[in-house]
Protein backbone atom coordinates (compact mmCIF):
# COMPACT_ATOMS: atom_id res chain seq x y z
CA MET A 1 9.44 -16.12 -16.98
CA LEU A 2 9.53 -12.98 -14.87
CA MET A 3 13.33 -12.81 -15.26
CA LEU A 4 12.96 -12.97 -19.04
CA MET A 5 10.42 -10.14 -19.03
CA VAL A 6 12.69 -8.00 -16.85
CA MET A 7 15.65 -8.64 -19.16
CA LEU A 8 13.52 -7.73 -22.17
CA MET A 9 12.41 -4.49 -20.55
CA VAL A 10 16.00 -3.62 -19.69
CA MET A 11 17.06 -4.24 -23.29
CA VAL A 12 14.23 -2.03 -24.57
CA MET A 13 15.23 0.73 -22.17
CA LEU A 14 18.86 0.43 -23.27
CA MET A 15 17.84 0.70 -26.90
CA LEU A 16 15.81 3.83 -26.13
CA VAL A 17 18.83 5.35 -24.40
CA LEU A 18 21.00 4.47 -27.40
CA VAL A 19 18.52 6.09 -29.77
CA LEU A 20 18.49 9.23 -27.65
CA MET A 21 22.30 9.27 -27.55
CA LEU A 22 22.43 8.93 -31.33
CA MET A 23 19.90 11.72 -31.79
CA LEU A 24 21.97 14.05 -29.62
CA VAL A 25 25.25 13.57 -31.48
CA MET A 26 24.01 12.55 -34.90
CA THR A 27 25.76 14.14 -37.85
CA ALA A 28 25.71 13.24 -41.49
CA GLY A 29 28.52 11.29 -43.04
CA PRO A 30 30.89 8.55 -41.98
CA GLY A 31 31.20 9.88 -38.43
CA LEU A 32 27.83 8.38 -37.60
CA VAL A 33 28.70 4.92 -38.89
CA PHE A 34 32.28 4.64 -37.67
CA VAL A 35 32.26 6.72 -34.46
CA VAL A 36 28.84 7.25 -32.90
CA TYR A 37 27.14 3.93 -33.59
CA PRO A 38 30.06 1.74 -32.40
CA GLU A 39 30.23 3.79 -29.20
CA ALA A 40 26.52 3.18 -28.66
CA ILE A 41 26.93 -0.55 -29.32
CA ALA A 42 29.77 -0.69 -26.80
CA THR A 43 27.29 0.11 -24.02
CA LEU A 44 25.09 -2.93 -24.79
CA PRO A 45 25.51 -6.28 -23.05
CA GLY A 46 27.34 -8.59 -25.43
CA SER A 47 28.86 -5.64 -27.24
CA VAL A 48 31.58 -7.72 -28.92
CA GLY A 49 28.99 -9.87 -30.68
CA TRP A 50 26.92 -6.86 -31.74
CA SER A 51 30.06 -5.14 -33.04
CA ILE A 52 31.01 -8.17 -35.12
CA ILE A 53 27.49 -8.35 -36.58
CA PHE A 54 27.53 -4.60 -37.32
CA PHE A 55 30.82 -4.66 -39.19
CA LEU A 56 29.87 -7.84 -41.07
CA MET A 57 26.75 -5.94 -42.18
CA LEU A 58 28.93 -3.05 -43.40
CA ILE A 59 31.20 -5.43 -45.33
CA THR A 60 28.17 -7.16 -46.87
CA LEU A 61 26.70 -3.83 -47.95
CA GLY A 62 30.03 -2.79 -49.48
CA VAL A 63 30.38 -6.04 -51.44
CA ASP A 64 26.76 -5.77 -52.61
CA SER A 65 27.36 -2.22 -53.85
CA ALA A 66 30.54 -3.26 -55.64
CA VAL A 67 28.83 -6.21 -57.36
CA SER A 68 25.84 -4.14 -58.44
CA THR A 69 28.14 -1.43 -59.81
CA TYR A 70 30.12 -4.05 -61.74
CA ARG A 71 26.98 -5.63 -63.16
CA GLN A 72 25.59 -2.22 -64.07
CA GLY A 73 28.72 -1.37 -66.03
CA LYS A 74 28.95 -4.78 -67.67
CA HIS A 75 25.32 -5.20 -68.76
CA GLY A 76 24.04 -1.67 -68.99
CA PHE A 77 20.99 -0.15 -67.39
CA TYR A 78 18.34 -1.41 -69.77
CA SER A 79 19.71 -4.88 -70.40
CA THR A 80 17.22 -7.70 -69.93
CA GLU A 81 20.00 -10.27 -69.76
CA LEU A 82 21.47 -10.85 -66.31
């Protein structure tokens, strides 16, 4: 139990360091998503898994935006029919 608490505290401290790193180099635009954040994830334990989850999230967001744009164009803004 003590080992689990220590690991949790280490993870929290790592996340705080990552947040501070992001705040220092944060800029608007795609540089944050494709440069800074992946570098921060690379410092975490299990970085490969976190990277896969991060890029799957980006792909999911892109597909969601594309589908909503398609539906918006097809049905119009005030359509009640979906």
